[in-house]
C-alpha cells in the first residue's frame, strides 16, 4: 500500500502521517521541509526574501528527496504529502507573487501583477508540473486528503495566508481529478481520522489508537516544520 496523506498548511498531515505509520505499521516517508532546505539554498534569507530561482531550487530539492525516500520504501509506505504539493506551492505563488504576504490585501479572484520574473517562473512551474504529475500518478495507490479544519498556524516563517491556503487546497483536488487519482477526504479528530483510514485501506491496526497518537505526538515535537 503506497499511501499519501495530503492537505495544505496546518491541516495536520505531518502528525496524521506519523500516527498512521504507528497505527497501521506502515513505514513513513517524507522530505526535508522548506525551512530545513532554506539555509543551504539561500543562506541568510527568509522564505519571504528568496528569488524565484532559489525557490525553484528548493522545490526541485524537495521533490528529489521525496522520490529517493519513496523508492527506498518501495511498495509499502505512508507519505507526508507528495510532490504535487511542491509544484502547487510554486504555482500558487505565481498567482499571489513570490512573497504572498505582499499581496495579502488582494480581493478574491485578483492576482499579483505579472512581472517578467513571474512570467518566467510560471513557465518553469508549468513544465515541472508535468514531471511531478507523472511521478505521483505512478507512485501512489491512494491519497487521504485532510480538509482545512484547523486554523492556519502563525509560525512566523512561512509566507502563507488563508487565500493562499484555500487556493492550494482547490488546485490539489483539481489535479487529483485531472489525473484520475483516487483520494478520500477524511476529517475529524485524530482518532476518527486514523480509524477511518484503517477502514479505507483495509489494514488492521497493530496498536491502540491512543498509544499510536501518544508516540506520534512525542515524535512530532522533535521535528523542524
Protein backbone atom coordinates (compact mmCIF):
# COMPACT_ATOMS: atom_id res chain seq x y z
CA UNK A 1 0.00 0.00 0.00
CA UNK A 2 1.55 3.29 -1.17
CA UNK A 3 -0.49 5.80 0.81
CA UNK A 4 -0.18 9.58 0.72
CA UNK A 5 -1.56 11.93 3.37
CA UNK A 6 -2.24 15.27 1.71
CA UNK A 7 -3.60 18.62 2.79
CA UNK A 8 -2.47 22.20 2.80
CA UNK A 9 -0.80 24.23 5.53
CA UNK A 10 -1.94 23.48 9.09
CA UNK A 11 -4.24 20.65 8.01
CA UNK A 12 -2.40 18.19 10.25
CA UNK A 13 -0.86 15.93 7.61
CA UNK A 14 2.54 15.57 9.30
CA UNK A 15 1.11 14.44 12.63
CA UNK A 16 -1.53 12.31 10.90
CA UNK A 17 1.12 10.53 8.83
CA UNK A 18 3.13 9.84 11.99
CA UNK A 19 0.10 8.38 13.76
CA UNK A 20 -0.92 6.28 10.75
CA UNK A 21 2.62 4.93 10.46
CA UNK A 22 2.47 3.55 14.01
CA UNK A 23 -1.22 2.62 13.99
CA UNK A 24 -1.05 0.60 10.76
CA UNK A 25 2.64 -0.43 10.79
CA UNK A 26 3.46 1.43 7.58
CA UNK A 27 6.97 2.83 7.06
CA UNK A 28 6.78 6.62 6.84
CA UNK A 29 8.47 8.59 4.10
CA UNK A 30 8.98 12.32 3.88
CA UNK A 31 11.37 15.01 2.66
CA UNK A 32 13.05 17.89 4.42
CA UNK A 33 10.80 20.89 4.88
CA UNK A 34 11.36 24.17 3.02
CA UNK A 35 12.54 25.61 6.33
CA UNK A 36 15.26 22.94 6.56
CA UNK A 37 16.31 23.34 2.91
CA UNK A 38 16.37 27.15 3.03
CA UNK A 39 19.78 27.68 4.75
CA UNK A 40 21.65 25.79 2.03
CA UNK A 41 19.54 27.09 -0.85
CA UNK A 42 19.51 30.75 0.15
CA UNK A 43 21.87 31.35 3.09
CA UNK A 44 20.82 34.21 5.33
CA UNK A 45 17.40 34.67 3.70
CA UNK A 46 13.88 34.07 4.90
CA UNK A 47 11.24 32.41 2.71
CA UNK A 48 9.78 35.87 2.06
CA UNK A 49 13.13 37.03 0.64
CA UNK A 50 14.03 34.21 -1.76
CA UNK A 51 14.13 34.81 -5.50
CA UNK A 52 12.13 32.72 -7.95
CA UNK A 53 15.34 30.92 -8.99
CA UNK A 54 16.09 29.98 -5.38
CA UNK A 55 12.51 28.86 -4.88
CA UNK A 56 12.80 26.57 -7.92
CA UNK A 57 15.96 25.06 -6.43
CA UNK A 58 14.14 24.35 -3.17
CA UNK A 59 11.13 22.83 -4.93
CA UNK A 60 13.32 20.51 -7.01
CA UNK A 61 15.39 19.56 -3.94
CA UNK A 62 12.29 18.55 -2.01
CA UNK A 63 10.89 16.59 -4.97
CA UNK A 64 14.21 14.74 -5.39
CA UNK A 65 14.28 13.78 -1.72
CA UNK A 66 10.70 12.53 -1.91
CA UNK A 67 11.48 10.36 -4.94
CA UNK A 68 14.52 8.86 -3.22
CA UNK A 69 12.70 8.07 0.02
CA UNK A 70 9.66 6.63 -1.78
CA UNK A 71 11.95 4.39 -3.84
CA UNK A 72 13.76 3.15 -0.73
CA UNK A 73 10.45 2.24 0.93
CA UNK A 74 9.33 0.53 -2.31
CA UNK A 75 5.74 -0.73 -2.30
CA UNK A 76 4.69 -0.18 1.31
CA UNK A 77 4.70 3.26 2.89
CA UNK A 78 2.72 6.23 4.15
CA UNK A 79 3.94 9.59 2.89
CA UNK A 80 3.70 13.02 4.49
CA UNK A 81 2.39 14.79 1.38
CA UNK A 82 3.60 14.26 -2.17
CA UNK A 83 5.48 16.08 -4.92
CA UNK A 84 2.29 17.67 -6.22
CA UNK A 85 2.39 19.89 -3.17
CA UNK A 86 5.81 21.30 -4.08
CA UNK A 87 4.52 22.11 -7.57
CA UNK A 88 1.36 23.66 -6.12
CA UNK A 89 3.43 25.72 -3.65
CA UNK A 90 5.22 27.27 -6.62
CA UNK A 91 2.16 27.51 -8.86
CA UNK A 92 0.09 29.40 -6.31
CA UNK A 93 3.00 31.77 -5.79
CA UNK A 94 2.61 32.64 -9.48
CA UNK A 95 -0.86 33.93 -8.64
CA UNK A 96 -0.02 35.71 -5.40
CA UNK A 97 3.59 36.67 -6.06
CA UNK A 98 6.94 35.29 -4.95
CA UNK A 99 6.15 36.69 -1.48
CA UNK A 100 2.39 36.17 -0.98
CA UNK A 101 2.41 38.32 2.14
CA UNK A 102 2.89 41.38 -0.08
CA UNK A 103 -0.44 40.72 -1.80
CA UNK A 104 -2.49 39.71 1.23
CA UNK A 105 -4.91 42.57 0.56
CA UNK A 106 -5.96 41.19 -2.84
CA UNK A 107 -9.67 40.55 -3.22
CA UNK A 108 -10.87 37.02 -4.07
CA UNK A 109 -10.18 36.35 -7.74
CA UNK A 110 -7.47 39.01 -8.01
CA UNK A 111 -3.85 38.11 -8.73
CA UNK A 112 -0.45 39.74 -8.33
CA UNK A 113 0.95 41.81 -11.19
CA UNK A 114 2.66 39.56 -13.76
CA UNK A 115 6.21 40.84 -13.69
CA UNK A 116 8.77 39.37 -16.14
CA UNK A 117 10.09 37.28 -13.23
CA UNK A 118 6.62 35.85 -12.54
CA UNK A 119 6.00 35.14 -16.25
CA UNK A 120 9.19 33.07 -16.46
CA UNK A 121 8.53 31.43 -13.08
CA UNK A 122 5.08 30.40 -14.32
CA UNK A 123 6.60 28.78 -17.42
CA UNK A 124 9.07 26.81 -15.29
CA UNK A 125 6.36 25.67 -12.87
CA UNK A 126 4.16 24.54 -15.77
CA UNK A 127 6.93 22.29 -17.10
CA UNK A 128 7.89 20.97 -13.65
CA UNK A 129 4.23 20.20 -13.08
CA UNK A 130 4.26 17.75 -15.99
CA UNK A 131 7.12 15.83 -14.38
CA UNK A 132 5.68 15.90 -10.86
CA UNK A 133 2.25 14.76 -12.09
CA UNK A 134 3.75 11.77 -13.93
CA UNK A 135 5.71 10.78 -10.87
CA UNK A 136 2.80 10.98 -8.42
CA UNK A 137 0.38 9.19 -10.74
CA UNK A 138 2.81 6.25 -11.00
CA UNK A 139 3.99 6.18 -7.38
CA UNK A 140 0.88 6.06 -5.18
CA UNK A 141 -2.12 3.78 -4.75
CA UNK A 142 -4.34 6.09 -2.70
CA UNK A 143 -4.43 9.52 -1.09
CA UNK A 144 -6.13 10.56 2.11
CA UNK A 145 -6.85 14.28 1.87
CA UNK A 146 -7.29 16.32 5.05
CA UNK A 147 -9.66 19.31 4.87
CA UNK A 148 -8.82 22.76 6.22
CA UNK A 149 -10.49 22.22 9.60
CA UNK A 150 -7.75 23.75 11.74
CA UNK A 151 -6.71 27.42 11.98
CA UNK A 152 -3.69 28.46 9.95
CA UNK A 153 -0.63 28.29 12.19
CA UNK A 154 1.13 31.63 12.55
CA UNK A 155 4.61 30.17 12.78
CA UNK A 156 6.37 33.31 11.56
CA UNK A 157 8.47 31.71 8.84
CA UNK A 158 6.09 30.67 6.04
CA UNK A 159 4.70 33.38 3.72
CA UNK A 160 1.25 31.81 3.62
CA UNK A 161 -2.21 33.27 4.24
CA UNK A 162 -5.79 31.96 4.09
CA UNK A 163 -6.25 32.87 0.42
CA UNK A 164 -3.02 31.04 -0.42
CA UNK A 165 -4.09 28.03 1.62
CA UNK A 166 -7.56 27.82 0.03
CA UNK A 167 -6.14 28.20 -3.49
CA UNK A 168 -3.58 25.46 -2.80
CA UNK A 169 -6.25 23.10 -1.48
CA UNK A 170 -8.50 23.65 -4.50
CA UNK A 171 -5.65 23.18 -7.00
CA UNK A 172 -4.55 19.93 -5.34
CA UNK A 173 -8.02 18.39 -5.51
CA UNK A 174 -8.49 19.61 -9.09
CA UNK A 175 -5.18 17.98 -10.03
CA UNK A 176 -6.19 14.68 -8.45
CA UNK A 177 -9.36 14.79 -10.56
CA UNK A 178 -7.41 15.76 -13.69
CA UNK A 179 -5.06 12.78 -13.27
CA UNK A 180 -7.76 10.33 -12.22
CA UNK A 181 -6.01 9.76 -8.89
CA UNK A 182 -8.10 8.21 -6.14
CA UNK A 183 -8.42 10.27 -2.98
CA UNK A 184 -10.74 10.25 0.02
CA UNK A 185 -11.38 13.29 2.22
CA UNK A 186 -11.06 12.38 5.89
CA UNK A 187 -11.58 14.84 8.73
CA UNK A 188 -12.49 14.83 12.39
CA UNK A 189 -10.44 14.15 15.50
CA UNK A 190 -7.17 12.28 15.17
CA UNK A 191 -8.75 9.06 16.44
CA UNK A 192 -11.62 9.46 13.96
CA UNK A 193 -9.16 10.10 11.15
CA UNK A 194 -6.99 7.05 11.72
CA UNK A 195 -9.94 4.76 12.37
CA UNK A 196 -11.44 5.82 9.05
CA UNK A 197 -8.09 5.43 7.27
CA UNK A 198 -7.80 1.88 8.60
CA UNK A 199 -11.27 1.12 7.21
CA UNK A 200 -10.49 2.65 3.82
CA UNK A 201 -7.17 0.85 3.39
CA UNK A 202 -8.34 -2.45 4.86
CA UNK A 203 -5.27 -2.60 7.09
CA UNK A 204 -5.55 -3.99 10.62
CA UNK A 205 -4.25 -1.69 13.40
CA UNK A 206 -1.27 -3.07 15.28
CA UNK A 207 -1.78 -1.00 18.44
CA UNK A 208 -4.38 1.01 20.28
CA UNK A 209 -5.25 4.40 18.72
CA UNK A 210 -4.37 6.29 21.91
CA UNK A 211 -0.96 4.63 22.04
CA UNK A 212 -0.22 5.47 18.39
CA UNK A 213 -1.26 9.08 18.95
CA UNK A 214 0.90 9.41 22.05
CA UNK A 215 4.01 8.04 20.30
CA UNK A 216 3.44 10.25 17.26
CA UNK A 217 2.91 13.40 19.33
CA UNK A 218 6.23 12.86 21.09
CA UNK A 219 7.99 12.40 17.74
CA UNK A 220 6.24 15.43 16.28
CA UNK A 221 7.76 17.69 18.94
CA UNK A 222 11.25 16.83 17.65
CA UNK A 223 10.57 17.87 14.04
CA UNK A 224 11.51 21.13 12.32
CA UNK A 225 8.37 22.20 10.45
